[in-house]
Amino acid sequence: MKIFIKLLLTRIFMYSFTPYLFIITGISGEVGCMYESYTYLKKNQSKIIPLFNEMAAGVTIPANILLYLTIIVAIVYAPGSPFMYINMMSMKKKAYSDEKKVKAA
């Protein structure tokens, strides 16, 4: 019974708040980060940006290349976000239809 309640609450919270969380925090947050990185890279086009993580230790990339990559990602991301939203809504329908089948059995 505990597992059923846990699954039910997970589905309710995950899929009921999806439209709000996905659009407000997800898409707008990522677009905001892209915009901030674009403005930073635009100011520092002539610099070389070091990548600070364990896998890319010592790797540097010119800021103008990162600027172009940011623009390309933004161009691809904008038209792709409705498809991500539609996919999430289809997952919501599937999860709720499975829940109805479990209750009927």
PDB file of N, CA and C in Angstrom:
ATOM      1  N   MET A   1       0.828  -1.194   0.000  1.00  0.00           N
ATOM      2  CA  MET A   1       0.000   0.000   0.000  1.00  0.00           C
ATOM      3  C   MET A   1       0.873   1.260   0.000  1.00  0.00           C
ATOM      4  N   LYS A   2       1.977   1.217   0.758  1.00  0.00           N
ATOM      5  CA  LYS A   2       2.874   2.367   0.792  1.00  0.00           C
ATOM      6  C   LYS A   2       3.445   2.661  -0.594  1.00  0.00           C
ATOM      7  N   ILE A   3       3.806   1.596  -1.311  1.00  0.00           N
ATOM      8  CA  ILE A   3       4.379   1.775  -2.641  1.00  0.00           C
ATOM      9  C   ILE A   3       3.355   2.393  -3.581  1.00  0.00           C
ATOM     10  N   PHE A   4       2.097   1.941  -3.482  1.00  0.00           N
ATOM     11  CA  PHE A   4       1.047   2.488  -4.343  1.00  0.00           C
ATOM     12  C   PHE A   4       0.847   3.978  -4.064  1.00  0.00           C
ATOM     13  N   ILE A   5       0.828   4.364  -2.793  1.00  0.00           N
ATOM     14  CA  ILE A   5       0.661   5.782  -2.435  1.00  0.00           C
ATOM     15  C   ILE A   5       1.851   6.591  -2.919  1.00  0.00           C
ATOM     16  N   LYS A   6       3.039   6.042  -2.763  1.00  0.00           N
ATOM     17  CA  LYS A   6       4.242   6.741  -3.229  1.00  0.00           C
ATOM     18  C   LYS A   6       4.201   6.944  -4.747  1.00  0.00           C
ATOM     19  N   LEU A   7       3.830   5.909  -5.493  1.00  0.00           N
ATOM     20  CA  LEU A   7       3.726   6.036  -6.945  1.00  0.00           C
ATOM     21  C   LEU A   7       2.649   7.029  -7.343  1.00  0.00           C
ATOM     22  N   LEU A   8       1.523   6.990  -6.642  1.00  0.00           N
ATOM     23  CA  LEU A   8       0.433   7.912  -6.941  1.00  0.00           C
ATOM     24  C   LEU A   8       0.856   9.355  -6.706  1.00  0.00           C
ATOM     25  N   LEU A   9       1.494   9.619  -5.582  1.00  0.00           N
ATOM     26  CA  LEU A   9       1.952  10.982  -5.288  1.00  0.00           C
ATOM     27  C   LEU A   9       3.031  11.433  -6.268  1.00  0.00           C
ATOM     28  N   THR A  10       3.907  10.522  -6.647  1.00  0.00           N
ATOM     29  CA  THR A  10       4.942  10.865  -7.615  1.00  0.00           C
ATOM     30  C   THR A  10       4.321  11.266  -8.937  1.00  0.00           C
ATOM     31  N   ARG A  11       3.344  10.498  -9.390  1.00  0.00           N
ATOM     32  CA  ARG A  11       2.688  10.827 -10.656  1.00  0.00           C
ATOM     33  C   ARG A  11       1.916  12.132 -10.557  1.00  0.00           C
ATOM     34  N   ILE A  12       1.253  12.344  -9.446  1.00  0.00           N
ATOM     35  CA  ILE A  12       0.487  13.587  -9.290  1.00  0.00           C
ATOM     36  C   ILE A  12       1.409  14.782  -9.334  1.00  0.00           C
ATOM     37  N   PHE A  13       2.471  14.761  -8.551  1.00  0.00           N
ATOM     38  CA  PHE A  13       3.364  15.916  -8.504  1.00  0.00           C
ATOM     39  C   PHE A  13       4.175  16.053  -9.787  1.00  0.00           C
ATOM     40  N   MET A  14       4.614  14.946 -10.348  1.00  0.00           N
ATOM     41  CA  MET A  14       5.451  15.023 -11.541  1.00  0.00           C
ATOM     42  C   MET A  14       4.668  15.514 -12.750  1.00  0.00           C
ATOM     43  N   TYR A  15       3.471  14.978 -12.936  1.00  0.00           N
ATOM     44  CA  TYR A  15       2.745  15.287 -14.156  1.00  0.00           C
ATOM     45  C   TYR A  15       1.738  16.421 -14.010  1.00  0.00           C
ATOM     46  N   SER A  16       1.318  16.757 -12.817  1.00  0.00           N
ATOM     47  CA  SER A  16       0.369  17.848 -12.663  1.00  0.00           C
ATOM     48  C   SER A  16       1.046  19.202 -12.749  1.00  0.00           C
ATOM     49  N   PHE A  17       2.253  19.292 -12.255  1.00  0.00           N
ATOM     50  CA  PHE A  17       2.961  20.569 -12.269  1.00  0.00           C
ATOM     51  C   PHE A  17       3.914  20.692 -13.460  1.00  0.00           C
ATOM     52  N   THR A  18       3.930  19.698 -14.325  1.00  0.00           N
ATOM     53  CA  THR A  18       4.843  19.689 -15.461  1.00  0.00           C
ATOM     54  C   THR A  18       4.727  20.920 -16.347  1.00  0.00           C
ATOM     55  N   PRO A  19       3.511  21.306 -16.772  1.00  0.00           N
ATOM     56  CA  PRO A  19       3.457  22.467 -17.679  1.00  0.00           C
ATOM     57  C   PRO A  19       4.057  23.726 -17.067  1.00  0.00           C
ATOM     58  N   TYR A  20       3.806  23.930 -15.799  1.00  0.00           N
ATOM     59  CA  TYR A  20       4.297  25.144 -15.147  1.00  0.00           C
ATOM     60  C   TYR A  20       5.805  25.083 -14.909  1.00  0.00           C
ATOM     61  N   LEU A  21       6.263  23.982 -14.374  1.00  0.00           N
ATOM     62  CA  LEU A  21       7.689  23.859 -14.077  1.00  0.00           C
ATOM     63  C   LEU A  21       8.519  23.764 -15.345  1.00  0.00           C
ATOM     64  N   PHE A  22       7.993  23.071 -16.335  1.00  0.00           N
ATOM     65  CA  PHE A  22       8.752  22.870 -17.565  1.00  0.00           C
ATOM     66  C   PHE A  22       8.932  24.176 -18.317  1.00  0.00           C
ATOM     67  N   ILE A  23       7.867  24.960 -18.407  1.00  0.00           N
ATOM     68  CA  ILE A  23       7.945  26.210 -19.158  1.00  0.00           C
ATOM     69  C   ILE A  23       8.621  27.299 -18.332  1.00  0.00           C
ATOM     70  N   ILE A  24       8.185  27.482 -17.096  1.00  0.00           N
ATOM     71  CA  ILE A  24       8.688  28.594 -16.288  1.00  0.00           C
ATOM     72  C   ILE A  24      10.148  28.407 -15.908  1.00  0.00           C
ATOM     73  N   THR A  25      10.463  27.280 -15.317  1.00  0.00           N
ATOM     74  CA  THR A  25      11.836  27.106 -14.846  1.00  0.00           C
ATOM     75  C   THR A  25      12.739  26.471 -15.886  1.00  0.00           C
ATOM     76  N   GLY A  26      12.207  25.572 -16.688  1.00  0.00           N
ATOM     77  CA  GLY A  26      13.040  24.851 -17.639  1.00  0.00           C
ATOM     78  C   GLY A  26      13.428  25.667 -18.851  1.00  0.00           C
ATOM     79  N   ILE A  27      12.455  25.914 -19.704  1.00  0.00           N
ATOM     80  CA  ILE A  27      12.743  26.575 -20.974  1.00  0.00           C
ATOM     81  C   ILE A  27      13.216  28.008 -20.759  1.00  0.00           C
ATOM     82  N   SER A  28      12.495  28.767 -19.934  1.00  0.00           N
ATOM     83  CA  SER A  28      12.888  30.169 -19.742  1.00  0.00           C
ATOM     84  C   SER A  28      14.239  30.275 -19.035  1.00  0.00           C
ATOM     85  N   GLY A  29      14.524  29.366 -18.117  1.00  0.00           N
ATOM     86  CA  GLY A  29      15.824  29.380 -17.441  1.00  0.00           C
ATOM     87  C   GLY A  29      16.970  29.077 -18.386  1.00  0.00           C
ATOM     88  N   GLU A  30      16.770  28.106 -19.266  1.00  0.00           N
ATOM     89  CA  GLU A  30      17.824  27.762 -20.211  1.00  0.00           C
ATOM     90  C   GLU A  30      18.033  28.862 -21.245  1.00  0.00           C
ATOM     91  N   VAL A  31      16.944  29.464 -21.711  1.00  0.00           N
ATOM     92  CA  VAL A  31      17.077  30.579 -22.652  1.00  0.00           C
ATOM     93  C   VAL A  31      17.761  31.759 -21.968  1.00  0.00           C
ATOM     94  N   GLY A  32      17.436  31.995 -20.698  1.00  0.00           N
ATOM     95  CA  GLY A  32      18.099  33.056 -19.942  1.00  0.00           C
ATOM     96  C   GLY A  32      19.595  32.811 -19.791  1.00  0.00           C
ATOM     97  N   CYS A  33      19.965  31.568 -19.530  1.00  0.00           N
ATOM     98  CA  CYS A  33      21.394  31.226 -19.431  1.00  0.00           C
ATOM     99  C   CYS A  33      22.101  31.415 -20.769  1.00  0.00           C
ATOM    100  N   MET A  34      21.425  31.039 -21.857  1.00  0.00           N
ATOM    101  CA  MET A  34      22.028  31.242 -23.178  1.00  0.00           C
ATOM    102  C   MET A  34      22.223  32.726 -23.460  1.00  0.00           C
ATOM    103  N   TYR A  35      21.246  33.540 -23.069  1.00  0.00           N
ATOM    104  CA  TYR A  35      21.353  34.980 -23.300  1.00  0.00           C
ATOM    105  C   TYR A  35      22.507  35.574 -22.484  1.00  0.00           C
ATOM    106  N   GLU A  36      22.607  35.168 -21.218  1.00  0.00           N
ATOM    107  CA  GLU A  36      23.693  35.673 -20.375  1.00  0.00           C
ATOM    108  C   GLU A  36      25.062  35.249 -20.916  1.00  0.00           C
ATOM    109  N   SER A  37      25.175  34.012 -21.355  1.00  0.00           N
ATOM    110  CA  SER A  37      26.458  33.579 -21.915  1.00  0.00           C
ATOM    111  C   SER A  37      26.751  34.308 -23.217  1.00  0.00           C
ATOM    112  N   TYR A  38      25.715  34.585 -24.008  1.00  0.00           N
ATOM    113  CA  TYR A  38      25.904  35.338 -25.250  1.00  0.00           C
ATOM    114  C   TYR A  38      26.440  36.735 -24.956  1.00  0.00           C
ATOM    115  N   THR A  39      25.830  37.428 -23.981  1.00  0.00           N
ATOM    116  CA  THR A  39      26.294  38.786 -23.668  1.00  0.00           C
ATOM    117  C   THR A  39      27.730  38.771 -23.129  1.00  0.00           C
ATOM    118  N   TYR A  40      28.067  37.771 -22.301  1.00  0.00           N
ATOM    119  CA  TYR A  40      29.430  37.667 -21.777  1.00  0.00           C
ATOM    120  C   TYR A  40      30.429  37.393 -22.904  1.00  0.00           C
ATOM    121  N   LEU A  41      30.083  36.454 -23.765  1.00  0.00           N
ATOM    122  CA  LEU A  41      31.002  36.103 -24.854  1.00  0.00           C
ATOM    123  C   LEU A  41      31.114  37.225 -25.875  1.00  0.00           C
ATOM    124  N   LYS A  42      30.051  37.985 -26.064  1.00  0.00           N
ATOM    125  CA  LYS A  42      30.093  39.107 -27.004  1.00  0.00           C
ATOM    126  C   LYS A  42      31.079  40.180 -26.517  1.00  0.00           C
ATOM    127  N   LYS A  43      31.099  40.402 -25.199  1.00  0.00           N
ATOM    128  CA  LYS A  43      32.021  41.387 -24.619  1.00  0.00           C
ATOM    129  C   LYS A  43      33.475  40.907 -24.672  1.00  0.00           C
ATOM    130  N   ASN A  44      33.657  39.595 -24.572  1.00  0.00           N
ATOM    131  CA  ASN A  44      35.011  39.026 -24.473  1.00  0.00           C
ATOM    132  C   ASN A  44      35.369  38.185 -25.695  1.00  0.00           C
ATOM    133  N   GLN A  45      35.021  38.638 -26.887  1.00  0.00           N
ATOM    134  CA  GLN A  45      35.261  37.853 -28.094  1.00  0.00           C
ATOM    135  C   GLN A  45      36.726  37.570 -28.357  1.00  0.00           C
ATOM    136  N   SER A  46      37.589  38.460 -27.974  1.00  0.00           N
ATOM    137  CA  SER A  46      39.006  38.273 -28.287  1.00  0.00           C
ATOM    138  C   SER A  46      39.739  37.413 -27.261  1.00  0.00           C
ATOM    139  N   LYS A  47      39.068  37.024 -26.182  1.00  0.00           N
ATOM    140  CA  LYS A  47      39.726  36.237 -25.141  1.00  0.00           C
ATOM    141  C   LYS A  47      39.621  34.742 -25.416  1.00  0.00           C
ATOM    142  N   ILE A  48      40.412  33.996 -24.666  1.00  0.00           N
ATOM    143  CA  ILE A  48      40.359  32.538 -24.715  1.00  0.00           C
ATOM    144  C   ILE A  48      39.782  32.075 -23.381  1.00  0.00           C
ATOM    145  N   ILE A  49      38.736  31.268 -23.444  1.00  0.00           N
ATOM    146  CA  ILE A  49      38.015  30.839 -22.247  1.00  0.00           C
ATOM    147  C   ILE A  49      38.508  29.446 -21.835  1.00  0.00           C
ATOM    148  N   PRO A  50      39.019  29.300 -20.611  1.00  0.00           N
ATOM    149  CA  PRO A  50      39.397  27.960 -20.147  1.00  0.00           C
ATOM    150  C   PRO A  50      38.161  27.187 -19.678  1.00  0.00           C
ATOM    151  N   LEU A  51      38.160  25.893 -19.908  1.00  0.00           N
ATOM    152  CA  LEU A  51      37.072  25.042 -19.430  1.00  0.00           C
ATOM    153  C   LEU A  51      37.498  24.432 -18.107  1.00  0.00           C
ATOM    154  N   PHE A  52      36.729  24.681 -17.066  1.00  0.00           N
ATOM    155  CA  PHE A  52      37.098  24.224 -15.723  1.00  0.00           C
ATOM    156  C   PHE A  52      36.276  23.010 -15.329  1.00  0.00           C
ATOM    157  N   ASN A  53      36.743  21.851 -15.665  1.00  0.00           N
ATOM    158  CA  ASN A  53      36.202  20.607 -15.128  1.00  0.00           C
ATOM    159  C   ASN A  53      37.279  19.535 -15.223  1.00  0.00           C
ATOM    160  N   GLU A  54      37.020  18.405 -14.611  1.00  0.00           N
ATOM    161  CA  GLU A  54      38.048  17.363 -14.532  1.00  0.00           C
ATOM    162  C   GLU A  54      38.381  16.751 -15.887  1.00  0.00           C
ATOM    163  N   MET A  55      37.385  16.600 -16.744  1.00  0.00           N
ATOM    164  CA  MET A  55      37.615  15.939 -18.020  1.00  0.00           C
ATOM    165  C   MET A  55      38.307  16.848 -19.035  1.00  0.00           C
ATOM    166  N   ALA A  56      38.117  18.167 -18.885  1.00  0.00           N
ATOM    167  CA  ALA A  56      38.697  19.090 -19.857  1.00  0.00           C
ATOM    168  C   ALA A  56      39.802  19.924 -19.221  1.00  0.00           C
ATOM    169  N   ALA A  57      40.564  19.328 -18.347  1.00  0.00           N
ATOM    170  CA  ALA A  57      41.633  20.062 -17.670  1.00  0.00           C
ATOM    171  C   ALA A  57      42.642  20.572 -18.684  1.00  0.00           C
ATOM    172  N   GLY A  58      42.870  21.858 -18.652  1.00  0.00           N
ATOM    173  CA  GLY A  58      43.842  22.466 -19.538  1.00  0.00           C
ATOM    174  C   GLY A  58      43.329  22.793 -20.927  1.00  0.00           C
ATOM    175  N   VAL A  59      42.050  22.553 -21.193  1.00  0.00           N
ATOM    176  CA  VAL A  59      41.492  22.836 -22.514  1.00  0.00           C
ATOM    177  C   VAL A  59      40.984  24.272 -22.539  1.00  0.00           C
ATOM    178  N   THR A  60      41.334  24.990 -23.581  1.00  0.00           N
ATOM    179  CA  THR A  60      40.840  26.354 -23.759  1.00  0.00           C
ATOM    180  C   THR A  60      40.188  26.473 -25.131  1.00  0.00           C
ATOM    181  N   ILE A  61      39.154  27.305 -25.201  1.00  0.00           N
ATOM    182  CA  ILE A  61      38.429  27.520 -26.449  1.00  0.00           C
ATOM    183  C   ILE A  61      38.306  29.016 -26.669  1.00  0.00           C
ATOM    184  N   PRO A  62      38.547  29.487 -27.883  1.00  0.00           N
ATOM    185  CA  PRO A  62      38.355  30.915 -28.164  1.00  0.00           C
ATOM    186  C   PRO A  62      36.897  31.319 -27.947  1.00  0.00           C
ATOM    187  N   ALA A  63      36.696  32.499 -27.395  1.00  0.00           N
ATOM    188  CA  ALA A  63      35.352  32.959 -27.055  1.00  0.00           C
ATOM    189  C   ALA A  63      34.473  33.121 -28.278  1.00  0.00           C
ATOM    190  N   ASN A  64      35.065  33.468 -29.425  1.00  0.00           N
ATOM    191  CA  ASN A  64      34.224  33.650 -30.607  1.00  0.00           C
ATOM    192  C   ASN A  64      33.618  32.325 -31.082  1.00  0.00           C
ATOM    193  N   ILE A  65      34.320  31.208 -30.900  1.00  0.00           N
ATOM    194  CA  ILE A  65      33.761  29.898 -31.245  1.00  0.00           C
ATOM    195  C   ILE A  65      32.618  29.560 -30.301  1.00  0.00           C
ATOM    196  N   LEU A  66      32.810  29.822 -29.010  1.00  0.00           N
ATOM    197  CA  LEU A  66      31.724  29.587 -28.051  1.00  0.00           C
ATOM    198  C   LEU A  66      30.526  30.479 -28.337  1.00  0.00           C
ATOM    199  N   LEU A  67      30.774  31.682 -28.808  1.00  0.00           N
ATOM    200  CA  LEU A  67      29.692  32.596 -29.170  1.00  0.00           C
ATOM    201  C   LEU A  67      28.858  32.009 -30.299  1.00  0.00           C
ATOM    202  N   TYR A  68      29.512  31.503 -31.334  1.00  0.00           N
ATOM    203  CA  TYR A  68      28.788  30.898 -32.451  1.00  0.00           C
ATOM    204  C   TYR A  68      28.051  29.629 -32.029  1.00  0.00           C
ATOM    205  N   LEU A  69      28.664  28.832 -31.158  1.00  0.00           N
ATOM    206  CA  LEU A  69      27.985  27.635 -30.649  1.00  0.00           C
ATOM    207  C   LEU A  69      26.736  27.997 -29.850  1.00  0.00           C
ATOM    208  N   THR A  70      26.812  29.064 -29.062  1.00  0.00           N
ATOM    209  CA  THR A  70      25.651  29.518 -28.297  1.00  0.00           C
ATOM    210  C   THR A  70      24.522  29.940 -29.227  1.00  0.00           C
ATOM    211  N   ILE A  71      24.856  30.643 -30.298  1.00  0.00           N
ATOM    212  CA  ILE A  71      23.839  31.069 -31.261  1.00  0.00           C
ATOM    213  C   ILE A  71      23.205  29.858 -31.942  1.00  0.00           C
ATOM    214  N   ILE A  72      24.012  28.885 -32.323  1.00  0.00           N
ATOM    215  CA  ILE A  72      23.481  27.682 -32.982  1.00  0.00           C
ATOM    216  C   ILE A  72      22.562  26.910 -32.048  1.00  0.00           C
ATOM    217  N   VAL A  73      22.972  26.746 -30.793  1.00  0.00           N
ATOM    218  CA  VAL A  73      22.140  26.028 -29.823  1.00  0.00           C
ATOM    219  C   VAL A  73      20.821  26.764 -29.600  1.00  0.00           C
ATOM    220  N   ALA A  74      20.849  28.081 -29.518  1.00  0.00           N
ATOM    221  CA  ALA A  74      19.622  28.852 -29.321  1.00  0.00           C
ATOM    222  C   ALA A  74      18.686  28.718 -30.519  1.00  0.00           C
ATOM    223  N   ILE A  75      19.244  28.712 -31.713  1.00  0.00           N
ATOM    224  CA  ILE A  75      18.426  28.568 -32.920  1.00  0.00           C
ATOM    225  C   ILE A  75      17.766  27.190 -32.981  1.00  0.00           C
ATOM    226  N   VAL A  76      18.478  26.161 -32.573  1.00  0.00           N
ATOM    227  CA  VAL A  76      17.919  24.804 -32.582  1.00  0.00           C
ATOM    228  C   VAL A  76      16.955  24.610 -31.410  1.00  0.00           C
ATOM    229  N   TYR A  77      17.260  25.210 -30.278  1.00  0.00           N
ATOM    230  CA  TYR A  77      16.468  25.007 -29.059  1.00  0.00           C
ATOM    231  C   TYR A  77      15.082  25.637 -29.161  1.00  0.00           C
ATOM    232  N   ALA A  78      14.992  26.814 -29.740  1.00  0.00           N
ATOM    233  CA  ALA A  78      13.710  27.520 -29.810  1.00  0.00           C
ATOM    234  C   ALA A  78      12.643  26.725 -30.563  1.00  0.00           C
ATOM    235  N   PRO A  79      12.910  26.232 -31.772  1.00  0.00           N
ATOM    236  CA  PRO A  79      11.875  25.448 -32.445  1.00  0.00           C
ATOM    237  C   PRO A  79      11.675  24.059 -31.838  1.00  0.00           C
ATOM    238  N   GLY A  80      12.656  23.557 -31.111  1.00  0.00           N
ATOM    239  CA  GLY A  80      12.548  22.227 -30.534  1.00  0.00           C
ATOM    240  C   GLY A  80      11.771  22.156 -29.237  1.00  0.00           C
ATOM    241  N   SER A  81      11.605  23.271 -28.555  1.00  0.00           N
ATOM    242  CA  SER A  81      10.938  23.240 -27.252  1.00  0.00           C
ATOM    243  C   SER A  81       9.466  22.834 -27.315  1.00  0.00           C
ATOM    244  N   PRO A  82       8.680  23.201 -28.335  1.00  0.00           N
ATOM    245  CA  PRO A  82       7.304  22.675 -28.383  1.00  0.00           C
ATOM    246  C   PRO A  82       7.249  21.155 -28.488  1.00  0.00           C
ATOM    247  N   PHE A  83       8.207  20.561 -29.203  1.00  0.00           N
ATOM    248  CA  PHE A  83       8.230  19.104 -29.314  1.00  0.00           C
ATOM    249  C   PHE A  83       8.524  18.454 -27.959  1.00  0.00           C
ATOM    250  N   MET A  84       9.410  19.075 -27.171  1.00  0.00           N
ATOM    251  CA  MET A  84       9.697  18.556 -25.831  1.00  0.00           C
ATOM    252  C   MET A  84       8.447  18.635 -24.952  1.00  0.00           C
ATOM    253  N   TYR A  85       7.713  19.742 -25.061  1.00  0.00           N
ATOM    254  CA  TYR A  85       6.498  19.932 -24.270  1.00  0.00           C
ATOM    255  C   TYR A  85       5.431  18.916 -24.677  1.00  0.00           C
ATOM    256  N   ILE A  86       5.242  18.710 -25.972  1.00  0.00           N
ATOM    257  CA  ILE A  86       4.250  17.743 -26.455  1.00  0.00           C
ATOM    258  C   ILE A  86       4.622  16.337 -25.998  1.00  0.00           C
ATOM    259  N   ASN A  87       5.900  15.999 -26.028  1.00  0.00           N
ATOM    260  CA  ASN A  87       6.348  14.694 -25.562  1.00  0.00           C
ATOM    261  C   ASN A  87       6.043  14.510 -24.081  1.00  0.00           C
ATOM    262  N   MET A  88       6.257  15.556 -23.291  1.00  0.00           N
ATOM    263  CA  MET A  88       5.975  15.463 -21.862  1.00  0.00           C
ATOM    264  C   MET A  88       4.475  15.275 -21.608  1.00  0.00           C
ATOM    265  N   MET A  89       3.648  15.932 -22.378  1.00  0.00           N
ATOM    266  CA  MET A  89       2.199  15.780 -22.211  1.00  0.00           C
ATOM    267  C   MET A  89       1.742  14.381 -22.630  1.00  0.00           C
ATOM    268  N   SER A  90       2.355  13.805 -23.665  1.00  0.00           N
ATOM    269  CA  SER A  90       1.995  12.438 -24.049  1.00  0.00           C
ATOM    270  C   SER A  90       2.419  11.447 -22.971  1.00  0.00           C
ATOM    271  N   MET A  91       3.555  11.712 -22.312  1.00  0.00           N
ATOM    272  CA  MET A  91       3.973  10.868 -21.197  1.00  0.00           C
ATOM    273  C   MET A  91       2.993  10.971 -20.047  1.00  0.00           C
ATOM    274  N   LYS A  92       2.444  12.167 -19.836  1.00  0.00           N
ATOM    275  CA  LYS A  92       1.454  12.370 -18.777  1.00  0.00           C
ATOM    276  C   LYS A  92       0.199  11.547 -19.070  1.00  0.00           C
ATOM    277  N   LYS A  93      -0.276  11.587 -20.305  1.00  0.00           N
ATOM    278  CA  LYS A  93      -1.464  10.807 -20.676  1.00  0.00           C
ATOM    279  C   LYS A  93      -1.222   9.323 -20.474  1.00  0.00           C
ATOM    280  N   LYS A  94      -0.052   8.857 -20.874  1.00  0.00           N
ATOM    281  CA  LYS A  94       0.274   7.443 -20.741  1.00  0.00           C
ATOM    282  C   LYS A  94       0.325   7.039 -19.266  1.00  0.00           C
ATOM    283  N   ALA A  95       0.896   7.873 -18.435  1.00  0.00           N
ATOM    284  CA  ALA A  95       1.002   7.556 -17.009  1.00  0.00           C
ATOM    285  C   ALA A  95      -0.378   7.489 -16.367  1.00  0.00           C
ATOM    286  N   TYR A  96      -1.246   8.414 -16.724  1.00  0.00           N
ATOM    287  CA  TYR A  96      -2.591   8.397 -16.148  1.00  0.00           C
ATOM    288  C   TYR A  96      -3.433   7.266 -16.712  1.00  0.00           C
ATOM    289  N   SER A  97      -3.230   6.875 -17.954  1.00  0.00           N
ATOM    290  CA  SER A  97      -3.995   5.740 -18.504  1.00  0.00           C
ATOM    291  C   SER A  97      -3.546   4.435 -17.836  1.00  0.00           C
ATOM    292  N   ASP A  98      -2.259   4.300 -17.544  1.00  0.00           N
ATOM    293  CA  ASP A  98      -1.769   3.116 -16.829  1.00  0.00           C
ATOM    294  C   ASP A  98      -2.338   3.072 -15.421  1.00  0.00           C
ATOM    295  N   GLU A  99      -2.498   4.246 -14.804  1.00  0.00           N
ATOM    296  CA  GLU A  99      -3.046   4.304 -13.455  1.00  0.00           C
ATOM    297  C   GLU A  99      -4.498   3.849 -13.432  1.00  0.00           C
ATOM    298  N   LYS A 100      -5.272   4.208 -14.447  1.00  0.00           N
ATOM    299  CA  LYS A 100      -6.671   3.787 -14.525  1.00  0.00           C
ATOM    300  C   LYS A 100      -6.770   2.280 -14.717  1.00  0.00           C
ATOM    301  N   LYS A 101      -5.860   1.697 -15.504  1.00  0.00           N
ATOM    302  CA  LYS A 101      -5.850   0.250 -15.712  1.00  0.00           C
ATOM    303  C   LYS A 101      -5.553  -0.479 -14.418  1.00  0.00           C
ATOM    304  N   VAL A 102      -4.656   0.077 -13.591  1.00  0.00           N
ATOM    305  CA  VAL A 102      -4.310  -0.553 -12.313  1.00  0.00           C
ATOM    306  C   VAL A 102      -5.505  -0.514 -11.372  1.00  0.00           C
ATOM    307  N   LYS A 103      -6.231   0.615 -11.332  1.00  0.00           N
ATOM    308  CA  LYS A 103      -7.400   0.730 -10.466  1.00  0.00           C
ATOM    309  C   LYS A 103      -8.504  -0.224 -10.903  1.00  0.00           C
ATOM    310  N   ALA A 104      -8.672  -0.430 -12.197  1.00  0.00           N
ATOM    311  CA  ALA A 104      -9.724  -1.300 -12.708  1.00  0.00           C
ATOM    312  C   ALA A 104      -9.440  -2.763 -12.395  1.00  0.00           C
ATOM    313  N   ALA A 105      -8.188  -3.140 -12.310  1.00  0.00           N
ATOM    314  CA  ALA A 105      -7.823  -4.539 -12.094  1.00  0.00           C
ATOM    315  C   ALA A 105      -7.933  -4.936 -10.664  1.00  0.00           C
TER     316      ALA A 105
END
